Amino acid sequence: MVIRLAYCDNNLVKEAPTSSIPVILGIDDLRPLPRATRIARTSREGIQLLEEHRDSFIDELWLDHDLGGDDTIMPVVTLMEEAAFNGQPFQIGAVFVHSANPIGAATVVRSLARWSYRVQRATA
């Protein structure tokens, strides 16, 4: 909870407390991800979602490897790698990879860990 201070006619006034709602993003074609505040269903939507949060802190990012058809999470991973390479990584508390594809999930974990993102395998 945050209590903001403001000045009104040069008198200090406490504004109403605000609660900090965690930003939990998910990129998954099928799972509902009930804790997520926003969900993208394709890699294209996932890139757009991350770009919308470029300048803010993301508490959790949930990634599925296989996104239906030929689509995978790898374009999103590439975006995150390029951002880190350019010295401007996305500010993410934790990345969770919850894919049923063990090889794809391992690739995502390895790729993001290389760029110092806090990433781990998980179940959604």
N, C-alpha and C. Protein backbone atom coordinates (compact mmCIF):
# COMPACT_ATOMS: atom_id res chain seq x y z
N MET A 1 0.84 -1.16 0.00
CA MET A 1 0.00 0.00 0.00
C MET A 1 0.89 1.23 0.00
N VAL A 2 0.51 2.23 -0.80
CA VAL A 2 1.26 3.46 -0.92
C VAL A 2 0.37 4.61 -0.48
N ILE A 3 0.89 5.47 0.36
CA ILE A 3 0.17 6.69 0.74
C ILE A 3 0.91 7.84 0.10
N ARG A 4 0.21 8.57 -0.75
CA ARG A 4 0.84 9.68 -1.45
C ARG A 4 0.64 10.95 -0.66
N LEU A 5 1.65 11.81 -0.72
CA LEU A 5 1.57 13.10 -0.06
C LEU A 5 1.39 14.17 -1.13
N ALA A 6 0.54 15.13 -0.85
CA ALA A 6 0.28 16.20 -1.80
C ALA A 6 0.19 17.51 -1.03
N TYR A 7 0.32 18.60 -1.76
CA TYR A 7 0.20 19.92 -1.15
C TYR A 7 -1.03 20.62 -1.71
N CYS A 8 -1.84 21.19 -0.84
CA CYS A 8 -3.02 21.94 -1.22
C CYS A 8 -2.96 23.27 -0.46
N ASP A 9 -2.85 24.36 -1.20
CA ASP A 9 -2.71 25.69 -0.57
C ASP A 9 -1.56 25.71 0.42
N ASN A 10 -0.43 25.09 0.03
CA ASN A 10 0.78 25.03 0.84
C ASN A 10 0.64 24.21 2.12
N ASN A 11 -0.43 23.45 2.28
CA ASN A 11 -0.60 22.57 3.43
C ASN A 11 -0.45 21.13 2.99
N LEU A 12 0.30 20.36 3.73
CA LEU A 12 0.52 18.96 3.40
C LEU A 12 -0.75 18.17 3.67
N VAL A 13 -1.18 17.39 2.66
CA VAL A 13 -2.40 16.59 2.76
C VAL A 13 -2.06 15.17 2.34
N LYS A 14 -2.56 14.19 3.09
CA LYS A 14 -2.38 12.79 2.72
C LYS A 14 -3.51 12.40 1.77
N GLU A 15 -3.13 11.85 0.62
CA GLU A 15 -4.13 11.35 -0.31
C GLU A 15 -4.51 9.93 0.08
N ALA A 16 -5.59 9.45 -0.49
CA ALA A 16 -6.06 8.10 -0.20
C ALA A 16 -5.00 7.08 -0.57
N PRO A 17 -4.88 6.03 0.22
CA PRO A 17 -3.90 4.98 -0.10
C PRO A 17 -4.26 4.29 -1.41
N THR A 18 -3.22 3.88 -2.13
CA THR A 18 -3.42 3.11 -3.36
C THR A 18 -2.76 1.76 -3.18
N SER A 19 -3.36 0.75 -3.76
CA SER A 19 -2.75 -0.57 -3.66
C SER A 19 -1.97 -0.84 -4.94
N SER A 20 -0.91 -1.56 -4.80
CA SER A 20 -0.06 -1.89 -5.93
C SER A 20 -0.50 -3.25 -6.47
N ILE A 21 -1.09 -3.26 -7.67
CA ILE A 21 -1.53 -4.50 -8.29
C ILE A 21 -0.38 -5.06 -9.11
N PRO A 22 0.02 -6.30 -8.85
CA PRO A 22 1.14 -6.86 -9.60
C PRO A 22 0.79 -7.02 -11.08
N VAL A 23 1.79 -6.82 -11.92
CA VAL A 23 1.63 -7.00 -13.36
C VAL A 23 2.10 -8.42 -13.68
N ILE A 24 1.16 -9.26 -14.07
CA ILE A 24 1.46 -10.65 -14.40
C ILE A 24 0.97 -10.88 -15.82
N LEU A 25 1.92 -11.11 -16.72
CA LEU A 25 1.61 -11.30 -18.13
C LEU A 25 1.78 -12.75 -18.51
N GLY A 26 0.92 -13.23 -19.39
CA GLY A 26 1.02 -14.60 -19.88
C GLY A 26 0.97 -14.64 -21.39
N ILE A 27 1.76 -15.52 -21.97
CA ILE A 27 1.71 -15.75 -23.40
C ILE A 27 1.50 -17.25 -23.58
N ASP A 28 0.28 -17.62 -23.95
CA ASP A 28 -0.12 -19.02 -24.04
C ASP A 28 -1.33 -19.12 -24.94
N ASP A 29 -1.34 -20.08 -25.84
CA ASP A 29 -2.46 -20.19 -26.79
C ASP A 29 -3.71 -20.82 -26.18
N LEU A 30 -3.59 -21.60 -25.11
CA LEU A 30 -4.74 -22.34 -24.59
C LEU A 30 -5.07 -22.10 -23.13
N ARG A 31 -4.07 -22.10 -22.27
CA ARG A 31 -4.32 -22.06 -20.83
C ARG A 31 -4.97 -20.74 -20.41
N PRO A 32 -5.86 -20.80 -19.41
CA PRO A 32 -6.51 -19.57 -18.95
C PRO A 32 -5.60 -18.68 -18.08
N LEU A 33 -4.59 -19.24 -17.40
CA LEU A 33 -3.67 -18.48 -16.54
C LEU A 33 -4.43 -17.49 -15.64
N PRO A 34 -5.13 -18.00 -14.66
CA PRO A 34 -6.02 -17.16 -13.83
C PRO A 34 -5.32 -16.04 -13.08
N ARG A 35 -4.04 -16.16 -12.78
CA ARG A 35 -3.34 -15.09 -12.06
C ARG A 35 -2.90 -13.95 -12.98
N ALA A 36 -2.91 -14.19 -14.29
CA ALA A 36 -2.42 -13.19 -15.24
C ALA A 36 -3.35 -11.99 -15.31
N THR A 37 -2.75 -10.81 -15.38
CA THR A 37 -3.53 -9.59 -15.55
C THR A 37 -3.80 -9.34 -17.04
N ARG A 38 -2.95 -9.87 -17.91
CA ARG A 38 -3.14 -9.80 -19.36
C ARG A 38 -2.59 -11.07 -19.99
N ILE A 39 -3.25 -11.55 -21.05
CA ILE A 39 -2.81 -12.76 -21.75
C ILE A 39 -2.74 -12.48 -23.24
N ALA A 40 -1.66 -12.94 -23.87
CA ALA A 40 -1.51 -12.91 -25.32
C ALA A 40 -1.60 -14.35 -25.80
N ARG A 41 -2.22 -14.57 -26.94
CA ARG A 41 -2.43 -15.93 -27.45
C ARG A 41 -1.50 -16.31 -28.60
N THR A 42 -0.75 -15.37 -29.15
CA THR A 42 0.20 -15.64 -30.24
C THR A 42 1.51 -14.92 -29.95
N SER A 43 2.55 -15.28 -30.68
CA SER A 43 3.83 -14.60 -30.48
C SER A 43 3.72 -13.13 -30.87
N ARG A 44 2.96 -12.85 -31.91
CA ARG A 44 2.78 -11.45 -32.34
C ARG A 44 2.10 -10.63 -31.23
N GLU A 45 1.04 -11.18 -30.64
CA GLU A 45 0.37 -10.51 -29.53
C GLU A 45 1.31 -10.39 -28.32
N GLY A 46 2.14 -11.42 -28.12
CA GLY A 46 3.09 -11.41 -27.01
C GLY A 46 4.11 -10.30 -27.14
N ILE A 47 4.61 -10.10 -28.36
CA ILE A 47 5.56 -9.01 -28.60
C ILE A 47 4.88 -7.67 -28.34
N GLN A 48 3.67 -7.52 -28.82
CA GLN A 48 2.92 -6.28 -28.60
C GLN A 48 2.69 -6.04 -27.11
N LEU A 49 2.35 -7.10 -26.38
CA LEU A 49 2.12 -7.00 -24.94
C LEU A 49 3.39 -6.55 -24.21
N LEU A 50 4.51 -7.15 -24.54
CA LEU A 50 5.77 -6.74 -23.91
C LEU A 50 6.13 -5.30 -24.26
N GLU A 51 5.94 -4.92 -25.51
CA GLU A 51 6.25 -3.55 -25.92
C GLU A 51 5.38 -2.54 -25.17
N GLU A 52 4.13 -2.89 -24.90
CA GLU A 52 3.24 -2.01 -24.12
C GLU A 52 3.75 -1.81 -22.70
N HIS A 53 4.49 -2.79 -22.18
CA HIS A 53 5.01 -2.72 -20.81
C HIS A 53 6.51 -2.43 -20.80
N ARG A 54 7.04 -1.90 -21.90
CA ARG A 54 8.48 -1.70 -22.06
C ARG A 54 9.09 -0.87 -20.94
N ASP A 55 8.38 0.17 -20.52
CA ASP A 55 8.95 1.10 -19.54
C ASP A 55 8.42 0.88 -18.13
N SER A 56 7.82 -0.28 -17.88
CA SER A 56 7.31 -0.56 -16.54
C SER A 56 7.82 -1.92 -16.06
N PHE A 57 7.68 -2.14 -14.77
CA PHE A 57 8.13 -3.39 -14.17
C PHE A 57 7.05 -4.46 -14.34
N ILE A 58 7.48 -5.63 -14.78
CA ILE A 58 6.59 -6.78 -14.92
C ILE A 58 6.93 -7.74 -13.79
N ASP A 59 5.99 -8.00 -12.91
CA ASP A 59 6.27 -8.88 -11.77
C ASP A 59 6.54 -10.31 -12.22
N GLU A 60 5.66 -10.82 -13.09
CA GLU A 60 5.82 -12.20 -13.59
C GLU A 60 5.48 -12.24 -15.07
N LEU A 61 6.22 -13.07 -15.78
CA LEU A 61 5.93 -13.34 -17.19
C LEU A 61 5.87 -14.85 -17.36
N TRP A 62 4.70 -15.35 -17.82
CA TRP A 62 4.49 -16.78 -18.03
C TRP A 62 4.55 -17.07 -19.52
N LEU A 63 5.40 -18.01 -19.92
CA LEU A 63 5.61 -18.32 -21.32
C LEU A 63 5.33 -19.79 -21.63
N ASP A 64 4.57 -20.02 -22.69
CA ASP A 64 4.37 -21.35 -23.25
C ASP A 64 5.20 -21.41 -24.52
N HIS A 65 5.84 -22.52 -24.81
CA HIS A 65 6.66 -22.61 -26.02
C HIS A 65 5.82 -22.73 -27.27
N ASP A 66 4.92 -23.70 -27.32
CA ASP A 66 4.12 -23.96 -28.52
C ASP A 66 2.83 -23.14 -28.46
N LEU A 67 2.63 -22.30 -29.48
CA LEU A 67 1.49 -21.38 -29.47
C LEU A 67 0.46 -21.70 -30.56
N GLY A 68 0.44 -22.92 -31.02
CA GLY A 68 -0.53 -23.33 -32.03
C GLY A 68 0.03 -23.24 -33.44
N GLY A 69 -0.24 -24.26 -34.23
CA GLY A 69 0.29 -24.30 -35.60
C GLY A 69 1.80 -24.24 -35.59
N ASP A 70 2.36 -23.39 -36.42
CA ASP A 70 3.81 -23.22 -36.48
C ASP A 70 4.33 -22.13 -35.55
N ASP A 71 3.44 -21.49 -34.80
CA ASP A 71 3.83 -20.38 -33.93
C ASP A 71 4.46 -20.90 -32.64
N THR A 72 5.54 -20.25 -32.23
CA THR A 72 6.21 -20.57 -30.97
C THR A 72 6.52 -19.28 -30.23
N ILE A 73 7.02 -19.41 -29.04
CA ILE A 73 7.39 -18.27 -28.21
C ILE A 73 8.72 -17.65 -28.65
N MET A 74 9.43 -18.28 -29.56
CA MET A 74 10.79 -17.84 -29.89
C MET A 74 10.89 -16.39 -30.41
N PRO A 75 9.93 -15.84 -31.16
CA PRO A 75 10.04 -14.42 -31.49
C PRO A 75 10.02 -13.51 -30.26
N VAL A 76 9.28 -13.90 -29.24
CA VAL A 76 9.25 -13.14 -27.98
C VAL A 76 10.60 -13.26 -27.28
N VAL A 77 11.13 -14.47 -27.25
CA VAL A 77 12.44 -14.70 -26.63
C VAL A 77 13.51 -13.88 -27.36
N THR A 78 13.45 -13.84 -28.67
CA THR A 78 14.41 -13.06 -29.46
C THR A 78 14.31 -11.58 -29.10
N LEU A 79 13.09 -11.06 -28.97
CA LEU A 79 12.90 -9.66 -28.56
C LEU A 79 13.56 -9.40 -27.21
N MET A 80 13.35 -10.31 -26.26
CA MET A 80 13.94 -10.14 -24.93
C MET A 80 15.46 -10.23 -24.98
N GLU A 81 16.00 -11.14 -25.79
CA GLU A 81 17.45 -11.26 -25.94
C GLU A 81 18.04 -9.99 -26.55
N GLU A 82 17.40 -9.48 -27.60
CA GLU A 82 17.90 -8.27 -28.26
C GLU A 82 17.88 -7.08 -27.32
N ALA A 83 16.84 -6.98 -26.51
CA ALA A 83 16.75 -5.89 -25.53
C ALA A 83 17.92 -5.97 -24.55
N ALA A 84 18.21 -7.16 -24.07
CA ALA A 84 19.32 -7.35 -23.13
C ALA A 84 20.66 -7.07 -23.82
N PHE A 85 20.82 -7.54 -25.04
CA PHE A 85 22.05 -7.30 -25.80
C PHE A 85 22.30 -5.80 -25.96
N ASN A 86 21.23 -5.03 -26.15
CA ASN A 86 21.34 -3.58 -26.32
C ASN A 86 21.43 -2.83 -25.00
N GLY A 87 21.55 -3.57 -23.90
CA GLY A 87 21.72 -2.95 -22.59
C GLY A 87 20.42 -2.43 -21.99
N GLN A 88 19.28 -2.83 -22.55
CA GLN A 88 17.99 -2.38 -22.04
C GLN A 88 17.04 -3.56 -21.86
N PRO A 89 17.42 -4.51 -21.00
CA PRO A 89 16.55 -5.68 -20.81
C PRO A 89 15.20 -5.27 -20.24
N PHE A 90 14.20 -6.07 -20.51
CA PHE A 90 12.90 -5.85 -19.90
C PHE A 90 13.06 -6.05 -18.40
N GLN A 91 12.37 -5.24 -17.61
CA GLN A 91 12.44 -5.34 -16.16
C GLN A 91 11.37 -6.32 -15.69
N ILE A 92 11.80 -7.56 -15.44
CA ILE A 92 10.87 -8.63 -15.09
C ILE A 92 11.36 -9.30 -13.81
N GLY A 93 10.45 -9.42 -12.85
CA GLY A 93 10.81 -10.08 -11.59
C GLY A 93 11.13 -11.54 -11.78
N ALA A 94 10.26 -12.26 -12.49
CA ALA A 94 10.46 -13.70 -12.71
C ALA A 94 9.78 -14.12 -14.00
N VAL A 95 10.47 -14.98 -14.75
CA VAL A 95 9.91 -15.57 -15.96
C VAL A 95 9.68 -17.04 -15.69
N PHE A 96 8.47 -17.53 -15.97
CA PHE A 96 8.13 -18.92 -15.77
C PHE A 96 7.79 -19.54 -17.12
N VAL A 97 8.46 -20.65 -17.44
CA VAL A 97 8.21 -21.36 -18.69
C VAL A 97 7.40 -22.60 -18.33
N HIS A 98 6.17 -22.67 -18.85
CA HIS A 98 5.23 -23.73 -18.46
C HIS A 98 4.81 -24.58 -19.64
N SER A 99 5.73 -24.91 -20.49
CA SER A 99 5.42 -25.65 -21.71
C SER A 99 5.43 -27.15 -21.49
N ALA A 100 4.56 -27.84 -22.24
CA ALA A 100 4.56 -29.30 -22.24
C ALA A 100 5.65 -29.84 -23.17
N ASN A 101 6.31 -28.97 -23.89
CA ASN A 101 7.39 -29.33 -24.81
C ASN A 101 8.71 -29.22 -24.06
N PRO A 102 9.29 -30.33 -23.60
CA PRO A 102 10.50 -30.25 -22.77
C PRO A 102 11.71 -29.65 -23.49
N ILE A 103 11.88 -29.96 -24.76
CA ILE A 103 13.03 -29.41 -25.50
C ILE A 103 12.84 -27.92 -25.73
N GLY A 104 11.62 -27.53 -26.14
CA GLY A 104 11.34 -26.11 -26.35
C GLY A 104 11.49 -25.31 -25.06
N ALA A 105 10.97 -25.85 -23.96
CA ALA A 105 11.05 -25.17 -22.67
C ALA A 105 12.51 -25.00 -22.24
N ALA A 106 13.31 -26.05 -22.42
CA ALA A 106 14.73 -25.98 -22.05
C ALA A 106 15.45 -24.92 -22.88
N THR A 107 15.09 -24.81 -24.14
CA THR A 107 15.71 -23.80 -25.02
C THR A 107 15.37 -22.39 -24.52
N VAL A 108 14.11 -22.17 -24.16
CA VAL A 108 13.70 -20.86 -23.66
C VAL A 108 14.43 -20.52 -22.36
N VAL A 109 14.47 -21.46 -21.43
CA VAL A 109 15.14 -21.23 -20.15
C VAL A 109 16.62 -20.91 -20.38
N ARG A 110 17.27 -21.70 -21.19
CA ARG A 110 18.70 -21.50 -21.47
C ARG A 110 18.95 -20.15 -22.13
N SER A 111 18.12 -19.80 -23.11
CA SER A 111 18.30 -18.54 -23.84
C SER A 111 18.14 -17.32 -22.93
N LEU A 112 17.10 -17.33 -22.11
CA LEU A 112 16.85 -16.17 -21.25
C LEU A 112 17.81 -16.10 -20.07
N ALA A 113 18.19 -17.25 -19.54
CA ALA A 113 19.16 -17.27 -18.43
C ALA A 113 20.49 -16.70 -18.88
N ARG A 114 20.84 -16.96 -20.12
CA ARG A 114 22.11 -16.44 -20.67
C ARG A 114 22.16 -14.92 -20.58
N TRP A 115 21.01 -14.26 -20.66
CA TRP A 115 20.93 -12.80 -20.62
C TRP A 115 20.50 -12.29 -19.24
N SER A 116 20.65 -13.14 -18.24
CA SER A 116 20.41 -12.78 -16.82
C SER A 116 18.96 -12.52 -16.46
N TYR A 117 18.03 -13.00 -17.27
CA TYR A 117 16.64 -12.95 -16.83
C TYR A 117 16.45 -14.04 -15.78
N ARG A 118 15.65 -13.78 -14.77
CA ARG A 118 15.35 -14.77 -13.72
C ARG A 118 14.28 -15.68 -14.29
N VAL A 119 14.70 -16.85 -14.78
CA VAL A 119 13.80 -17.74 -15.48
C VAL A 119 13.87 -19.14 -14.91
N GLN A 120 12.73 -19.84 -14.91
CA GLN A 120 12.70 -21.21 -14.43
C GLN A 120 11.54 -21.97 -15.06
N ARG A 121 11.65 -23.29 -15.07
CA ARG A 121 10.55 -24.16 -15.51
C ARG A 121 9.48 -24.17 -14.45
N ALA A 122 8.23 -24.22 -14.86
CA ALA A 122 7.14 -24.21 -13.92
C ALA A 122 5.94 -24.94 -14.54
N THR A 123 4.92 -25.15 -13.72
CA THR A 123 3.67 -25.69 -14.22
C THR A 123 2.60 -24.62 -14.02
N ALA A 124 1.76 -24.44 -15.02
CA ALA A 124 0.72 -23.41 -14.94
C ALA A 124 -0.52 -23.96 -14.26
